[in-house]
PDB file of all heavy atoms in Angstrom:
ATOM      1  N   ALA A   1     128.320  86.369  83.679  1.00  0.00           N
ATOM      2  CA  ALA A   1     128.906  86.100  82.415  1.00  0.00           C
ATOM      3  C   ALA A   1     130.514  86.201  82.486  1.00  0.00           C
ATOM      4  O   ALA A   1     131.129  85.353  81.913  1.00  0.00           O
ATOM      5  CB  ALA A   1     128.494  87.173  81.258  1.00  0.00           C
ATOM      6  N   ARG A   2     131.005  87.184  83.152  1.00  0.00           N
ATOM      7  CA  ARG A   2     132.484  87.257  83.440  1.00  0.00           C
ATOM      8  C   ARG A   2     133.041  86.010  84.146  1.00  0.00           C
ATOM      9  O   ARG A   2     134.062  85.501  83.937  1.00  0.00           O
ATOM     10  CB  ARG A   2     132.844  88.500  84.059  1.00  0.00           C
ATOM     11  CG  ARG A   2     132.654  89.755  82.981  1.00  0.00           C
ATOM     12  CD  ARG A   2     133.181  91.084  83.580  1.00  0.00           C
ATOM     13  NE  ARG A   2     132.471  91.451  84.849  1.00  0.00           N
ATOM     14  CZ  ARG A   2     131.296  92.253  84.754  1.00  0.00           C
ATOM     15  NH1 ARG A   2     130.916  92.615  83.683  1.00  0.00           N
ATOM     16  NH2 ARG A   2     130.803  92.571  85.945  1.00  0.00           N
ATOM     17  N   ASP A   3     132.219  85.616  85.233  1.00  0.00           N
ATOM     18  CA  ASP A   3     132.586  84.523  85.914  1.00  0.00           C
ATOM     19  C   ASP A   3     132.645  83.245  85.213  1.00  0.00           C
ATOM     20  O   ASP A   3     133.496  82.457  85.199  1.00  0.00           O
ATOM     21  CB  ASP A   3     131.715  84.282  87.184  1.00  0.00           C
ATOM     22  CG  ASP A   3     131.824  85.285  88.320  1.00  0.00           C
ATOM     23  OD1 ASP A   3     132.801  86.028  88.126  1.00  0.00           O
ATOM     24  OD2 ASP A   3     130.927  85.372  89.158  1.00  0.00           O
ATOM     25  N   TRP A   4     131.658  83.120  84.329  1.00  0.00           N
ATOM     26  CA  TRP A   4     131.501  81.957  83.435  1.00  0.00           C
ATOM     27  C   TRP A   4     132.639  81.958  82.393  1.00  0.00           C
ATOM     28  O   TRP A   4     133.130  80.860  82.114  1.00  0.00           O
ATOM     29  CB  TRP A   4     130.018  82.042  82.779  1.00  0.00           C
ATOM     30  CG  TRP A   4     129.724  80.713  82.081  1.00  0.00           C
ATOM     31  CD1 TRP A   4     130.311  79.432  82.137  1.00  0.00           C
ATOM     32  CD2 TRP A   4     128.625  80.521  81.083  1.00  0.00           C
ATOM     33  NE1 TRP A   4     129.674  78.584  81.374  1.00  0.00           N
ATOM     34  CE2 TRP A   4     128.620  79.205  80.702  1.00  0.00           C
ATOM     35  CE3 TRP A   4     127.595  81.484  80.494  1.00  0.00           C
ATOM     36  CZ2 TRP A   4     127.689  78.705  79.769  1.00  0.00           C
ATOM     37  CZ3 TRP A   4     126.776  80.873  79.778  1.00  0.00           C
ATOM     38  CH2 TRP A   4     126.676  79.543  79.232  1.00  0.00           C
ATOM     39  N   LEU A   5     132.906  83.162  81.866  1.00  0.00           N
ATOM     40  CA  LEU A   5     134.054  83.215  80.889  1.00  0.00           C
ATOM     41  C   LEU A   5     135.361  82.672  81.546  1.00  0.00           C
ATOM     42  O   LEU A   5     136.084  81.893  80.964  1.00  0.00           O
ATOM     43  CB  LEU A   5     134.148  84.582  80.418  1.00  0.00           C
ATOM     44  CG  LEU A   5     135.358  84.835  79.335  1.00  0.00           C
ATOM     45  CD1 LEU A   5     135.197  84.054  78.127  1.00  0.00           C
ATOM     46  CD2 LEU A   5     135.461  86.306  79.013  1.00  0.00           C
ATOM     47  N   ARG A   6     135.649  83.249  82.753  1.00  0.00           N
ATOM     48  CA  ARG A   6     136.843  82.756  83.408  1.00  0.00           C
ATOM     49  C   ARG A   6     136.908  81.200  83.668  1.00  0.00           C
ATOM     50  O   ARG A   6     137.858  80.561  83.460  1.00  0.00           O
ATOM     51  CB  ARG A   6     137.062  83.529  84.751  1.00  0.00           C
ATOM     52  CG  ARG A   6     137.443  84.912  84.593  1.00  0.00           C
ATOM     53  CD  ARG A   6     137.859  85.578  85.887  1.00  0.00           C
ATOM     54  NE  ARG A   6     136.736  85.628  86.748  1.00  0.00           N
ATOM     55  CZ  ARG A   6     136.003  86.718  86.968  1.00  0.00           C
ATOM     56  NH1 ARG A   6     136.117  87.762  86.166  1.00  0.00           N
ATOM     57  NH2 ARG A   6     134.971  86.677  87.800  1.00  0.00           N
ATOM     58  N   GLN A   7     135.645  80.732  84.045  1.00  0.00           N
ATOM     59  CA  GLN A   7     135.586  79.343  84.262  1.00  0.00           C
ATOM     60  C   GLN A   7     135.825  78.493  82.978  1.00  0.00           C
ATOM     61  O   GLN A   7     136.480  77.518  83.044  1.00  0.00           O
ATOM     62  CB  GLN A   7     134.148  78.938  84.894  1.00  0.00           C
ATOM     63  CG  GLN A   7     133.945  77.646  85.298  1.00  0.00           C
ATOM     64  CD  GLN A   7     132.571  77.374  85.893  1.00  0.00           C
ATOM     65  OE1 GLN A   7     132.192  78.130  86.822  1.00  0.00           O
ATOM     66  NE2 GLN A   7     131.753  76.339  85.475  1.00  0.00           N
ATOM     67  N   LEU A   8     135.268  78.928  81.956  1.00  0.00           N
ATOM     68  CA  LEU A   8     135.552  78.329  80.571  1.00  0.00           C
ATOM     69  C   LEU A   8     136.917  78.344  80.203  1.00  0.00           C
ATOM     70  O   LEU A   8     137.517  77.459  79.602  1.00  0.00           O
ATOM     71  CB  LEU A   8     134.514  78.883  79.599  1.00  0.00           C
ATOM     72  CG  LEU A   8     133.137  78.653  79.697  1.00  0.00           C
ATOM     73  CD1 LEU A   8     132.264  79.467  78.757  1.00  0.00           C
ATOM     74  CD2 LEU A   8     132.730  77.143  79.590  1.00  0.00           C
ATOM     75  N   GLN A   9     137.545  79.513  80.341  1.00  0.00           N
ATOM     76  CA  GLN A   9     138.971  79.728  79.981  1.00  0.00           C
ATOM     77  C   GLN A   9     139.796  78.821  80.745  1.00  0.00           C
ATOM     78  O   GLN A   9     140.762  78.151  80.348  1.00  0.00           O
ATOM     79  CB  GLN A   9     139.324  81.173  80.300  1.00  0.00           C
ATOM     80  CG  GLN A   9     138.752  82.106  79.102  1.00  0.00           C
ATOM     81  CD  GLN A   9     139.036  83.599  79.471  1.00  0.00           C
ATOM     82  OE1 GLN A   9     139.223  83.983  80.672  1.00  0.00           O
ATOM     83  NE2 GLN A   9     138.972  84.382  78.474  1.00  0.00           N
ATOM     84  N   GLN A  10     139.459  78.664  82.120  1.00  0.00           N
ATOM     85  CA  GLN A  10     140.333  77.771  82.970  1.00  0.00           C
ATOM     86  C   GLN A  10     140.096  76.326  82.579  1.00  0.00           C
ATOM     87  O   GLN A  10     140.978  75.500  82.854  1.00  0.00           O
ATOM     88  CB  GLN A  10     139.858  77.975  84.453  1.00  0.00           C
ATOM     89  CG  GLN A  10     140.356  79.361  85.049  1.00  0.00           C
ATOM     90  CD  GLN A  10     139.727  79.595  86.350  1.00  0.00           C
ATOM     91  OE1 GLN A  10     138.912  78.816  86.954  1.00  0.00           O
ATOM     92  NE2 GLN A  10     140.034  80.786  86.927  1.00  0.00           N
ATOM     93  N   GLY A  11     139.045  76.092  81.951  1.00  0.00           N
ATOM     94  CA  GLY A  11     138.783  74.680  81.470  1.00  0.00           C
ATOM     95  C   GLY A  11     139.447  74.418  80.100  1.00  0.00           C
ATOM     96  O   GLY A  11     139.141  73.298  79.586  1.00  0.00           O
ATOM     97  N   GLY A  12     140.026  75.398  79.534  1.00  0.00           N
ATOM     98  CA  GLY A  12     140.728  75.193  78.309  1.00  0.00           C
ATOM     99  C   GLY A  12     140.065  75.759  77.124  1.00  0.00           C
ATOM    100  O   GLY A  12     140.451  75.563  75.957  1.00  0.00           O
ATOM    101  N   ALA A  13     138.855  76.342  77.182  1.00  0.00           N
ATOM    102  CA  ALA A  13     138.079  76.814  76.100  1.00  0.00           C
ATOM    103  C   ALA A  13     138.846  78.074  75.594  1.00  0.00           C
ATOM    104  O   ALA A  13     139.281  78.849  76.319  1.00  0.00           O
ATOM    105  CB  ALA A  13     136.691  77.212  76.547  1.00  0.00           C
ATOM    106  N   SER A  14     138.844  78.119  74.259  1.00  0.00           N
ATOM    107  CA  SER A  14     139.570  79.275  73.594  1.00  0.00           C
ATOM    108  C   SER A  14     138.548  80.484  73.381  1.00  0.00           C
ATOM    109  O   SER A  14     138.061  80.637  72.274  1.00  0.00           O
ATOM    110  CB  SER A  14     140.169  78.957  72.219  1.00  0.00           C
ATOM    111  OG  SER A  14     139.239  78.463  71.396  1.00  0.00           O
ATOM    112  N   MET A  15     138.224  81.252  74.405  1.00  0.00           N
ATOM    113  CA  MET A  15     137.178  82.182  74.376  1.00  0.00           C
ATOM    114  C   MET A  15     137.813  83.509  75.040  1.00  0.00           C
ATOM    115  O   MET A  15     138.692  83.467  75.770  1.00  0.00           O
ATOM    116  CB  MET A  15     135.972  81.808  75.249  1.00  0.00           C
ATOM    117  CG  MET A  15     135.379  80.585  74.737  1.00  0.00           C
ATOM    118  SD  MET A  15     133.838  80.054  75.752  1.00  0.00           S
ATOM    119  CE  MET A  15     132.718  81.237  75.106  1.00  0.00           C
ATOM    120  N   ASP A  16     137.305  84.742  74.511  1.00  0.00           N
ATOM    121  CA  ASP A  16     137.778  85.981  75.148  1.00  0.00           C
ATOM    122  C   ASP A  16     136.559  86.807  75.298  1.00  0.00           C
ATOM    123  O   ASP A  16     135.407  86.420  75.133  1.00  0.00           O
ATOM    124  CB  ASP A  16     138.767  86.612  74.196  1.00  0.00           C
ATOM    125  CG  ASP A  16     138.221  86.809  72.880  1.00  0.00           C
ATOM    126  OD1 ASP A  16     136.969  87.002  72.638  1.00  0.00           O
ATOM    127  OD2 ASP A  16     139.078  86.828  71.952  1.00  0.00           O
ATOM    128  N   GLU A  17     136.792  88.004  75.580  1.00  0.00           N
ATOM    129  CA  GLU A  17     135.683  88.958  75.986  1.00  0.00           C
ATOM    130  C   GLU A  17     134.673  89.257  74.902  1.00  0.00           C
ATOM    131  O   GLU A  17     133.481  89.739  74.995  1.00  0.00           O
ATOM    132  CB  GLU A  17     136.244  90.399  76.445  1.00  0.00           C
ATOM    133  CG  GLU A  17     136.898  90.120  77.834  1.00  0.00           C
ATOM    134  CD  GLU A  17     137.070  91.586  78.543  1.00  0.00           C
ATOM    135  OE1 GLU A  17     136.718  92.581  77.908  1.00  0.00           O
ATOM    136  OE2 GLU A  17     137.644  91.617  79.633  1.00  0.00           O
ATOM    137  N   SER A  18     135.080  88.935  73.581  1.00  0.00           N
ATOM    138  CA  SER A  18     134.154  89.185  72.462  1.00  0.00           C
ATOM    139  C   SER A  18     133.031  88.220  72.536  1.00  0.00           C
ATOM    140  O   SER A  18     132.018  88.299  71.877  1.00  0.00           O
ATOM    141  CB  SER A  18     134.911  89.010  71.119  1.00  0.00           C
ATOM    142  OG  SER A  18     135.425  87.589  71.079  1.00  0.00           O
ATOM    143  N   ASP A  19     133.193  87.091  73.393  1.00  0.00           N
ATOM    144  CA  ASP A  19     132.206  86.121  73.522  1.00  0.00           C
ATOM    145  C   ASP A  19     131.192  86.444  74.653  1.00  0.00           C
ATOM    146  O   ASP A  19     130.202  85.723  74.839  1.00  0.00           O
ATOM    147  CB  ASP A  19     132.853  84.650  73.823  1.00  0.00           C
ATOM    148  CG  ASP A  19     133.614  84.157  72.611  1.00  0.00           C
ATOM    149  OD1 ASP A  19     133.059  84.058  71.561  1.00  0.00           O
ATOM    150  OD2 ASP A  19     134.864  84.023  72.902  1.00  0.00           O
ATOM    151  N   LEU A  20     131.415  87.556  75.360  1.00  0.00           N
ATOM    152  CA  LEU A  20     130.499  87.898  76.526  1.00  0.00           C
ATOM    153  C   LEU A  20     129.125  88.138  76.059  1.00  0.00           C
ATOM    154  O   LEU A  20     128.204  87.623  76.847  1.00  0.00           O
ATOM    155  CB  LEU A  20     131.153  89.119  77.251  1.00  0.00           C
ATOM    156  CG  LEU A  20     132.304  88.783  78.148  1.00  0.00           C
ATOM    157  CD1 LEU A  20     132.854  90.176  78.766  1.00  0.00           C
ATOM    158  CD2 LEU A  20     131.894  87.929  79.332  1.00  0.00           C
ATOM    159  N   PRO A  21     128.881  88.866  74.960  1.00  0.00           N
ATOM    160  CA  PRO A  21     127.447  89.037  74.511  1.00  0.00           C
ATOM    161  C   PRO A  21     126.641  87.727  74.328  1.00  0.00           C
ATOM    162  O   PRO A  21     125.480  87.558  74.796  1.00  0.00           O
ATOM    163  CB  PRO A  21     127.502  89.805  73.277  1.00  0.00           C
ATOM    164  CG  PRO A  21     128.809  90.473  73.333  1.00  0.00           C
ATOM    165  CD  PRO A  21     129.686  89.531  74.114  1.00  0.00           C
ATOM    166  N   MET A  22     127.402  86.716  73.888  1.00  0.00           N
ATOM    167  CA  MET A  22     126.708  85.324  73.566  1.00  0.00           C
ATOM    168  C   MET A  22     126.410  84.730  75.007  1.00  0.00           C
ATOM    169  O   MET A  22     125.345  84.131  75.228  1.00  0.00           O
ATOM    170  CB  MET A  22     127.579  84.431  72.817  1.00  0.00           C
ATOM    171  CG  MET A  22     127.118  83.054  72.598  1.00  0.00           C
ATOM    172  SD  MET A  22     128.411  81.944  71.890  1.00  0.00           S
ATOM    173  CE  MET A  22     129.553  81.876  73.126  1.00  0.00           C
ATOM    174  N   LEU A  23     127.444  84.835  75.921  1.00  0.00           N
ATOM    175  CA  LEU A  23     127.264  84.112  77.223  1.00  0.00           C
ATOM    176  C   LEU A  23     126.057  84.933  78.014  1.00  0.00           C
ATOM    177  O   LEU A  23     125.348  84.259  78.662  1.00  0.00           O
ATOM    178  CB  LEU A  23     128.488  84.229  78.015  1.00  0.00           C
ATOM    179  CG  LEU A  23     129.633  83.505  77.413  1.00  0.00           C
ATOM    180  CD1 LEU A  23     130.986  83.732  78.402  1.00  0.00           C
ATOM    181  CD2 LEU A  23     129.428  82.099  77.327  1.00  0.00           C
ATOM    182  N   ARG A  24     125.998  86.250  77.913  1.00  0.00           N
ATOM    183  CA  ARG A  24     124.963  86.964  78.539  1.00  0.00           C
ATOM    184  C   ARG A  24     123.585  86.506  77.947  1.00  0.00           C
ATOM    185  O   ARG A  24     122.627  86.382  78.859  1.00  0.00           O
ATOM    186  CB  ARG A  24     125.048  88.432  78.353  1.00  0.00           C
ATOM    187  CG  ARG A  24     126.349  89.087  79.314  1.00  0.00           C
ATOM    188  CD  ARG A  24     126.240  90.613  79.365  1.00  0.00           C
ATOM    189  NE  ARG A  24     126.383  91.345  78.065  1.00  0.00           N
ATOM    190  CZ  ARG A  24     127.701  91.690  77.636  1.00  0.00           C
ATOM    191  NH1 ARG A  24     128.678  91.567  78.407  1.00  0.00           N
ATOM    192  NH2 ARG A  24     127.760  92.321  76.457  1.00  0.00           N
ATOM    193  N   GLU A  25     123.462  86.387  76.695  1.00  0.00           N
ATOM    194  CA  GLU A  25     122.136  85.879  76.105  1.00  0.00           C
ATOM    195  C   GLU A  25     121.810  84.556  76.687  1.00  0.00           C
ATOM    196  O   GLU A  25     120.661  84.273  76.939  1.00  0.00           O
ATOM    197  CB  GLU A  25     122.302  85.957  74.627  1.00  0.00           C
ATOM    198  CG  GLU A  25     120.966  85.587  73.902  1.00  0.00           C
ATOM    199  CD  GLU A  25     119.855  86.607  74.267  1.00  0.00           C
ATOM    200  OE1 GLU A  25     120.270  87.778  74.768  1.00  0.00           O
ATOM    201  OE2 GLU A  25     118.651  86.294  74.079  1.00  0.00           O
ATOM    202  N   ASP A  26     122.748  83.605  76.766  1.00  0.00           N
ATOM    203  CA  ASP A  26     122.527  82.223  77.274  1.00  0.00           C
ATOM    204  C   ASP A  26     122.065  82.319  78.699  1.00  0.00           C
ATOM    205  O   ASP A  26     121.151  81.648  79.113  1.00  0.00           O
ATOM    206  CB  ASP A  26     123.773  81.424  77.171  1.00  0.00           C
ATOM    207  CG  ASP A  26     124.000  81.003  75.723  1.00  0.00           C
ATOM    208  OD1 ASP A  26     123.102  81.204  74.907  1.00  0.00           O
ATOM    209  OD2 ASP A  26     125.208  80.442  75.399  1.00  0.00           O
ATOM    210  N   LEU A  27     122.635  83.201  79.424  1.00  0.00           N
ATOM    211  CA  LEU A  27     122.316  83.321  80.865  1.00  0.00           C
ATOM    212  C   LEU A  27     120.919  83.870  80.998  1.00  0.00           C
ATOM    213  O   LEU A  27     120.202  83.546  81.884  1.00  0.00           O
ATOM    214  CB  LEU A  27     123.278  84.262  81.618  1.00  0.00           C
ATOM    215  CG  LEU A  27     124.719  83.663  81.897  1.00  0.00           C
ATOM    216  CD1 LEU A  27     125.693  84.728  82.245  1.00  0.00           C
ATOM    217  CD2 LEU A  27     124.535  82.506  82.974  1.00  0.00           C
ATOM    218  N   ARG A  28     120.583  84.850  80.155  1.00  0.00           N
ATOM    219  CA  ARG A  28     119.257  85.538  80.210  1.00  0.00           C
ATOM    220  C   ARG A  28     118.131  84.477  79.941  1.00  0.00           C
ATOM    221  O   ARG A  28     117.071  84.657  80.451  1.00  0.00           O
ATOM    222  CB  ARG A  28     119.299  86.727  79.239  1.00  0.00           C
ATOM    223  CG  ARG A  28     117.990  87.549  79.288  1.00  0.00           C
ATOM    224  CD  ARG A  28     118.114  88.749  78.306  1.00  0.00           C
ATOM    225  NE  ARG A  28     119.027  89.690  78.934  1.00  0.00           N
ATOM    226  CZ  ARG A  28     120.111  89.970  78.432  1.00  0.00           C
ATOM    227  NH1 ARG A  28     120.741  89.428  77.407  1.00  0.00           N
ATOM    228  NH2 ARG A  28     120.911  91.014  78.988  1.00  0.00           N
ATOM    229  N   LEU A  29     118.425  83.478  79.115  1.00  0.00           N
ATOM    230  CA  LEU A  29     117.479  82.520  78.820  1.00  0.00           C
ATOM    231  C   LEU A  29     117.345  81.335  79.647  1.00  0.00           C
ATOM    232  O   LEU A  29     116.450  80.653  79.601  1.00  0.00           O
ATOM    233  CB  LEU A  29     117.663  82.215  77.303  1.00  0.00           C
ATOM    234  CG  LEU A  29     117.535  83.111  76.260  1.00  0.00           C
ATOM    235  CD1 LEU A  29     117.952  82.592  74.834  1.00  0.00           C
ATOM    236  CD2 LEU A  29     116.116  83.782  76.207  1.00  0.00           C
ATOM    237  N   ALA A  30     118.402  81.280  80.496  1.00  0.00           N
ATOM    238  CA  ALA A  30     118.491  80.014  81.342  1.00  0.00           C
ATOM    239  C   ALA A  30     117.452  80.103  82.496  1.00  0.00           C
ATOM    240  O   ALA A  30     117.375  81.086  83.127  1.00  0.00           O
ATOM    241  CB  ALA A  30     119.946  79.881  81.888  1.00  0.00           C
ATOM    242  N   GLN A  31     116.761  78.932  82.639  1.00  0.00           N
ATOM    243  CA  GLN A  31     115.709  78.860  83.696  1.00  0.00           C
ATOM    244  C   GLN A  31     116.205  79.128  85.038  1.00  0.00           C
ATOM    245  O   GLN A  31     115.564  79.769  85.877  1.00  0.00           O
ATOM    246  CB  GLN A  31     114.995  77.505  83.606  1.00  0.00           C
ATOM    247  CG  GLN A  31     113.946  77.338  84.646  1.00  0.00           C
ATOM    248  CD  GLN A  31     112.681  78.281  84.497  1.00  0.00           C
ATOM    249  OE1 GLN A  31     112.532  78.763  83.434  1.00  0.00           O
ATOM    250  NE2 GLN A  31     111.759  78.348  85.389  1.00  0.00           N
ATOM    251  N   ASP A  32     117.339  78.496  85.471  1.00  0.00           N
ATOM    252  CA  ASP A  32     117.888  78.703  86.756  1.00  0.00           C
ATOM    253  C   ASP A  32     118.277  80.147  87.144  1.00  0.00           C
ATOM    254  O   ASP A  32     118.059  80.572  88.135  1.00  0.00           O
ATOM    255  CB  ASP A  32     119.127  77.845  86.996  1.00  0.00           C
ATOM    256  CG  ASP A  32     118.845  76.346  87.313  1.00  0.00           C
ATOM    257  OD1 ASP A  32     117.637  75.932  87.292  1.00  0.00           O
ATOM    258  OD2 ASP A  32     119.746  75.598  87.629  1.00  0.00           O
ATOM    259  N   VAL A  33     118.822  80.779  86.119  1.00  0.00           N
ATOM    260  CA  VAL A  33     119.225  82.118  86.317  1.00  0.00           C
ATOM    261  C   VAL A  33     117.943  82.994  86.455  1.00  0.00           C
ATOM    262  O   VAL A  33     117.915  83.943  87.355  1.00  0.00           O
ATOM    263  CB  VAL A  33     119.950  82.700  85.083  1.00  0.00           C
ATOM    264  CG1 VAL A  33     120.406  84.180  85.193  1.00  0.00           C
ATOM    265  CG2 VAL A  33     121.325  81.871  85.037  1.00  0.00           C
ATOM    266  N   ARG A  34     116.917  82.704  85.654  1.00  0.00           N
ATOM    267  CA  ARG A  34     115.721  83.616  85.826  1.00  0.00           C
ATOM    268  C   ARG A  34     115.173  83.358  87.165  1.00  0.00           C
ATOM    269  O   ARG A  34     114.627  84.386  87.815  1.00  0.00           O
ATOM    270  CB  ARG A  34     114.817  83.249  84.628  1.00  0.00           C
ATOM    271  CG  ARG A  34     115.362  83.566  83.282  1.00  0.00           C
ATOM    272  CD  ARG A  34     114.586  82.981  82.203  1.00  0.00           C
ATOM    273  NE  ARG A  34     113.184  83.608  82.156  1.00  0.00           N
ATOM    274  CZ  ARG A  34     112.248  83.066  81.223  1.00  0.00           C
ATOM    275  NH1 ARG A  34     112.465  82.198  80.336  1.00  0.00           N
ATOM    276  NH2 ARG A  34     111.097  83.728  81.257  1.00  0.00           N
ATOM    277  N   VAL A  35     115.002  82.211  87.593  1.00  0.00           N
ATOM    278  CA  VAL A  35     114.441  81.902  88.937  1.00  0.00           C
ATOM    279  C   VAL A  35     115.226  82.561  90.017  1.00  0.00           C
ATOM    280  O   VAL A  35     114.625  83.277  91.004  1.00  0.00           O
ATOM    281  CB  VAL A  35     114.322  80.399  89.137  1.00  0.00           C
ATOM    282  CG1 VAL A  35     113.868  80.081  90.637  1.00  0.00           C
ATOM    283  CG2 VAL A  35     113.254  79.803  88.206  1.00  0.00           C
ATOM    284  N   ALA A  36     116.486  82.499  89.886  1.00  0.00           N
ATOM    285  CA  ALA A  36     117.455  83.007  91.068  1.00  0.00           C
ATOM    286  C   ALA A  36     117.309  84.448  91.034  1.00  0.00           C
ATOM    287  O   ALA A  36     117.195  85.110  92.174  1.00  0.00           O
ATOM    288  CB  ALA A  36     118.859  82.640  90.801  1.00  0.00           C
ATOM    289  N   LEU A  37     117.310  85.224  89.884  1.00  0.00           N
ATOM    290  CA  LEU A  37     117.196  86.722  89.881  1.00  0.00           C
ATOM    291  C   LEU A  37     115.837  87.223  90.234  1.00  0.00           C
ATOM    292  O   LEU A  37     115.714  88.236  90.870  1.00  0.00           O
ATOM    293  CB  LEU A  37     117.696  87.177  88.466  1.00  0.00           C
ATOM    294  CG  LEU A  37     119.120  86.825  88.028  1.00  0.00           C
ATOM    295  CD1 LEU A  37     119.419  87.635  86.790  1.00  0.00           C
ATOM    296  CD2 LEU A  37     120.044  87.358  89.122  1.00  0.00           C
ATOM    297  N   ASN A  38     114.781  86.412  89.805  1.00  0.00           N
ATOM    298  CA  ASN A  38     113.476  86.850  90.259  1.00  0.00           C
ATOM    299  C   ASN A  38     113.237  86.752  91.721  1.00  0.00           C
ATOM    300  O   ASN A  38     112.588  87.474  92.357  1.00  0.00           O
ATOM    301  CB  ASN A  38     112.397  85.961  89.478  1.00  0.00           C
ATOM    302  CG  ASN A  38     112.098  86.541  88.074  1.00  0.00           C
ATOM    303  OD1 ASN A  38     112.464  87.656  87.849  1.00  0.00           O
ATOM    304  ND2 ASN A  38     111.535  85.588  87.287  1.00  0.00           N
ATOM    305  N   THR A  39     113.914  85.689  92.386  1.00  0.00           N
ATOM    306  CA  THR A  39     113.869  85.495  93.816  1.00  0.00           C
ATOM    307  C   THR A  39     114.502  86.650  94.473  1.00  0.00           C
ATOM    308  O   THR A  39     113.949  87.139  95.552  1.00  0.00           O
ATOM    309  CB  THR A  39     114.615  84.201  94.163  1.00  0.00           C
ATOM    310  OG1 THR A  39     113.969  83.155  93.555  1.00  0.00           O
ATOM    311  CG2 THR A  39     114.470  84.004  95.704  1.00  0.00           C
ATOM    312  N   ALA A  40     115.617  87.260  93.821  1.00  0.00           N
ATOM    313  CA  ALA A  40     116.329  88.292  94.470  1.00  0.00           C
ATOM    314  C   ALA A  40     115.609  89.620  94.242  1.00  0.00           C
ATOM    315  O   ALA A  40     115.559  90.556  95.043  1.00  0.00           O
ATOM    316  CB  ALA A  40     117.720  88.411  94.083  1.00  0.00           C
TER     317      ALA A  40
END
């Protein structure tokens, strides 16, 4: 989530650490993330 926030900020998005809970929830539901973490 922190890596994604930095990436979004570098792309011009007006986001800060208060948006981290939302990003974490999106990551938790994402199929690619679930597959990758289950593999590990």
